[in-house]
Amino acid sequence: MRQCVICDDTCLTCTAGGADHCVTCEDPRGLYQNTCVDPCPSAYYNNNNVCEKCDASCCECDGGSAQDCTECCETKYLQGGECVNACDPHYFENEVLNTCEPCDSTCKECTGPSEKECI
C-alpha cells in the first residue's frame, strides 16, 4: 500500500520527504542532484527548473552552447558570449575581467581602451 509523503518546502514534487528527494522544482529553483537550488551551482545554468552543465569552454553561462558563456576560466577571454584564446582585432585582452574590450575607434590594435594605447 502506497502512502503519500509531504515534500520538502523547496520541492514541487518528490520521491520521499527531505530536501534531497526532489523530482521537480518551482521557479526560480533548479533541480541539482535531487535538490532544488537557487541559483544553480557554478558552471551550471537553470533550464526550465533543471540545473544543466555549461559548455566545457565556459566557467559560467546562461545556456548550454559555447556561445552562452557569461564568464571564462583563467586563460580565456569572453568575447560575444564565447570564451576565446585571444581577442579579435580592434579588441584588447582585459586580464582582470578575462574579457575582450574594444579599442579606441582610432586604433586598429591596442593594449588598452585609450587612443594612447594604440599599437
C-alpha atoms as a PDB file:
ATOM      1  CA  MET A   1       0.000   0.000   0.000  1.00  0.00           C
ATOM      2  CA  ARG A   2       1.409   3.363  -1.069  1.00  0.00           C
ATOM      3  CA  GLN A   3       1.444   6.310   1.261  1.00  0.00           C
ATOM      4  CA  CYS A   4       1.603   9.972   0.438  1.00  0.00           C
ATOM      5  CA  VAL A   5       4.586  11.893   1.740  1.00  0.00           C
ATOM      6  CA  ILE A   6       4.932  15.588   2.325  1.00  0.00           C
ATOM      7  CA  CYS A   7       7.673  17.022   0.154  1.00  0.00           C
ATOM      8  CA  ASP A   8      10.247  19.430   1.499  1.00  0.00           C
ATOM      9  CA  ASP A   9       9.200  23.075   1.039  1.00  0.00           C
ATOM     10  CA  THR A  10      11.840  23.507  -1.691  1.00  0.00           C
ATOM     11  CA  CYS A  11      10.422  20.678  -3.860  1.00  0.00           C
ATOM     12  CA  LEU A  12       7.448  20.839  -6.209  1.00  0.00           C
ATOM     13  CA  THR A  13       7.299  17.036  -6.395  1.00  0.00           C
ATOM     14  CA  CYS A  14       9.423  14.423  -4.629  1.00  0.00           C
ATOM     15  CA  THR A  15      10.018  10.699  -4.084  1.00  0.00           C
ATOM     16  CA  ALA A  16      10.279  10.959  -0.285  1.00  0.00           C
ATOM     17  CA  GLY A  17      10.456  13.565   2.454  1.00  0.00           C
ATOM     18  CA  GLY A  18      13.598  15.635   2.780  1.00  0.00           C
ATOM     19  CA  ALA A  19      15.258  18.254   0.595  1.00  0.00           C
ATOM     20  CA  ASP A  20      17.399  15.664  -1.228  1.00  0.00           C
ATOM     21  CA  HIS A  21      14.474  13.733  -2.755  1.00  0.00           C
ATOM     22  CA  CYS A  22      13.096  16.359  -5.156  1.00  0.00           C
ATOM     23  CA  VAL A  23      11.946  15.401  -8.644  1.00  0.00           C
ATOM     24  CA  THR A  24      10.760  18.816  -9.850  1.00  0.00           C
ATOM     25  CA  CYS A  25      11.193  22.394  -8.634  1.00  0.00           C
ATOM     26  CA  GLU A  26       9.189  25.615  -8.688  1.00  0.00           C
ATOM     27  CA  ASP A  27      10.545  28.852 -10.163  1.00  0.00           C
ATOM     28  CA  PRO A  28      13.139  30.174  -9.646  1.00  0.00           C
ATOM     29  CA  ARG A  29      14.781  26.993  -8.334  1.00  0.00           C
ATOM     30  CA  GLY A  30      16.560  24.405 -10.461  1.00  0.00           C
ATOM     31  CA  LEU A  31      16.926  20.674  -9.804  1.00  0.00           C
ATOM     32  CA  TYR A  32      20.518  19.732  -8.986  1.00  0.00           C
ATOM     33  CA  GLN A  33      21.424  16.297  -7.590  1.00  0.00           C
ATOM     34  CA  ASN A  34      17.842  15.717  -6.371  1.00  0.00           C
ATOM     35  CA  THR A  35      17.676  19.069  -4.551  1.00  0.00           C
ATOM     36  CA  CYS A  36      16.064  22.348  -5.609  1.00  0.00           C
ATOM     37  CA  VAL A  37      18.580  25.197  -5.531  1.00  0.00           C
ATOM     38  CA  ASP A  38      18.621  28.881  -6.399  1.00  0.00           C
ATOM     39  CA  PRO A  39      20.863  29.740  -8.058  1.00  0.00           C
ATOM     40  CA  CYS A  40      22.308  26.700  -9.803  1.00  0.00           C
ATOM     41  CA  PRO A  41      25.918  25.933  -8.806  1.00  0.00           C
ATOM     42  CA  SER A  42      28.901  27.386 -10.622  1.00  0.00           C
ATOM     43  CA  ALA A  43      29.282  26.062 -14.209  1.00  0.00           C
ATOM     44  CA  TYR A  44      25.544  25.213 -14.368  1.00  0.00           C
ATOM     45  CA  TYR A  45      22.541  27.167 -15.659  1.00  0.00           C
ATOM     46  CA  ASN A  46      18.809  26.901 -14.977  1.00  0.00           C
ATOM     47  CA  ASN A  47      16.983  25.348 -17.935  1.00  0.00           C
ATOM     48  CA  ASN A  48      13.266  25.058 -17.173  1.00  0.00           C
ATOM     49  CA  ASN A  49      13.917  24.404 -13.486  1.00  0.00           C
ATOM     50  CA  VAL A  50      16.709  21.890 -14.085  1.00  0.00           C
ATOM     51  CA  CYS A  51      20.358  22.805 -13.496  1.00  0.00           C
ATOM     52  CA  GLU A  52      22.318  21.791 -16.577  1.00  0.00           C
ATOM     53  CA  LYS A  53      26.073  21.891 -17.132  1.00  0.00           C
ATOM     54  CA  CYS A  54      27.559  24.771 -19.081  1.00  0.00           C
ATOM     55  CA  ASP A  55      29.607  24.067 -22.190  1.00  0.00           C
ATOM     56  CA  ALA A  56      33.121  22.959 -21.205  1.00  0.00           C
ATOM     57  CA  SER A  57      34.584  26.224 -22.553  1.00  0.00           C
ATOM     58  CA  CYS A  58      32.588  28.309 -20.009  1.00  0.00           C
ATOM     59  CA  CYS A  59      33.063  28.811 -16.269  1.00  0.00           C
ATOM     60  CA  GLU A  60      29.617  30.465 -16.023  1.00  0.00           C
ATOM     61  CA  CYS A  61      26.823  30.605 -18.598  1.00  0.00           C
ATOM     62  CA  ASP A  62      23.164  31.307 -19.267  1.00  0.00           C
ATOM     63  CA  GLY A  63      22.673  28.468 -21.780  1.00  0.00           C
ATOM     64  CA  GLY A  64      24.211  25.209 -22.930  1.00  0.00           C
ATOM     65  CA  SER A  65      26.174  26.221 -26.021  1.00  0.00           C
ATOM     66  CA  ALA A  66      29.696  27.621 -26.371  1.00  0.00           C
ATOM     67  CA  GLN A  67      28.086  30.961 -27.343  1.00  0.00           C
ATOM     68  CA  ASP A  68      26.218  31.244 -23.999  1.00  0.00           C
ATOM     69  CA  CYS A  69      29.222  31.937 -21.749  1.00  0.00           C
ATOM     70  CA  THR A  70      28.954  34.771 -19.233  1.00  0.00           C
ATOM     71  CA  GLU A  71      32.345  34.142 -17.591  1.00  0.00           C
ATOM     72  CA  CYS A  72      35.501  32.407 -18.774  1.00  0.00           C
ATOM     73  CA  CYS A  73      38.059  30.358 -16.894  1.00  0.00           C
ATOM     74  CA  GLU A  74      41.602  31.628 -16.260  1.00  0.00           C
ATOM     75  CA  THR A  75      43.397  31.876 -19.611  1.00  0.00           C
ATOM     76  CA  LYS A  76      40.341  32.507 -21.833  1.00  0.00           C
ATOM     77  CA  TYR A  77      38.651  35.812 -22.664  1.00  0.00           C
ATOM     78  CA  LEU A  78      34.918  36.465 -23.049  1.00  0.00           C
ATOM     79  CA  GLN A  79      34.016  37.937 -26.418  1.00  0.00           C
ATOM     80  CA  GLY A  80      30.459  37.973 -27.734  1.00  0.00           C
ATOM     81  CA  GLY A  81      29.341  35.198 -25.385  1.00  0.00           C
ATOM     82  CA  GLU A  82      32.251  32.899 -26.306  1.00  0.00           C
ATOM     83  CA  CYS A  83      35.453  32.116 -24.453  1.00  0.00           C
ATOM     84  CA  VAL A  84      38.394  32.646 -26.788  1.00  0.00           C
ATOM     85  CA  ASN A  85      42.162  32.181 -26.511  1.00  0.00           C
ATOM     86  CA  ALA A  86      42.859  35.615 -27.998  1.00  0.00           C
ATOM     87  CA  CYS A  87      40.696  38.638 -28.751  1.00  0.00           C
ATOM     88  CA  ASP A  88      39.744  39.689 -32.280  1.00  0.00           C
ATOM     89  CA  PRO A  89      41.434  42.707 -33.910  1.00  0.00           C
ATOM     90  CA  HIS A  90      40.181  46.057 -32.541  1.00  0.00           C
ATOM     91  CA  TYR A  91      39.896  44.496 -29.053  1.00  0.00           C
ATOM     92  CA  PHE A  92      42.340  44.118 -26.179  1.00  0.00           C
ATOM     93  CA  GLU A  93      42.565  41.438 -23.519  1.00  0.00           C
ATOM     94  CA  ASN A  94      41.389  42.672 -20.125  1.00  0.00           C
ATOM     95  CA  GLU A  95      43.464  40.462 -17.814  1.00  0.00           C
ATOM     96  CA  VAL A  96      41.472  41.428 -14.701  1.00  0.00           C
ATOM     97  CA  LEU A  97      37.993  40.583 -16.014  1.00  0.00           C
ATOM     98  CA  ASN A  98      39.058  37.949 -18.582  1.00  0.00           C
ATOM     99  CA  THR A  99      37.107  39.818 -21.256  1.00  0.00           C
ATOM    100  CA  CYS A 100      37.798  41.294 -24.689  1.00  0.00           C
ATOM    101  CA  GLU A 101      37.255  45.059 -24.573  1.00  0.00           C
ATOM    102  CA  PRO A 102      37.048  47.390 -27.591  1.00  0.00           C
ATOM    103  CA  CYS A 103      39.984  49.545 -28.588  1.00  0.00           C
ATOM    104  CA  ASP A 104      39.540  53.268 -29.148  1.00  0.00           C
ATOM    105  CA  SER A 105      37.943  53.878 -32.564  1.00  0.00           C
ATOM    106  CA  THR A 106      41.214  55.371 -33.860  1.00  0.00           C
ATOM    107  CA  CYS A 107      43.138  52.114 -33.220  1.00  0.00           C
ATOM    108  CA  LYS A 108      43.465  49.009 -35.373  1.00  0.00           C
ATOM    109  CA  GLU A 109      45.058  47.178 -32.461  1.00  0.00           C
ATOM    110  CA  CYS A 110      45.679  48.225 -28.886  1.00  0.00           C
ATOM    111  CA  THR A 111      46.779  47.248 -25.407  1.00  0.00           C
ATOM    112  CA  GLY A 112      44.052  49.250 -23.617  1.00  0.00           C
ATOM    113  CA  PRO A 113      40.976  51.418 -24.187  1.00  0.00           C
ATOM    114  CA  SER A 114      42.537  54.842 -24.794  1.00  0.00           C
ATOM    115  CA  GLU A 115      43.873  56.283 -28.037  1.00  0.00           C
ATOM    116  CA  LYS A 116      47.288  56.442 -26.363  1.00  0.00           C
ATOM    117  CA  GLU A 117      47.315  52.635 -26.209  1.00  0.00           C
ATOM    118  CA  CYS A 118      47.157  52.027 -29.966  1.00  0.00           C
ATOM    119  CA  ILE A 119      49.773  49.701 -31.410  1.00  0.00           C
END
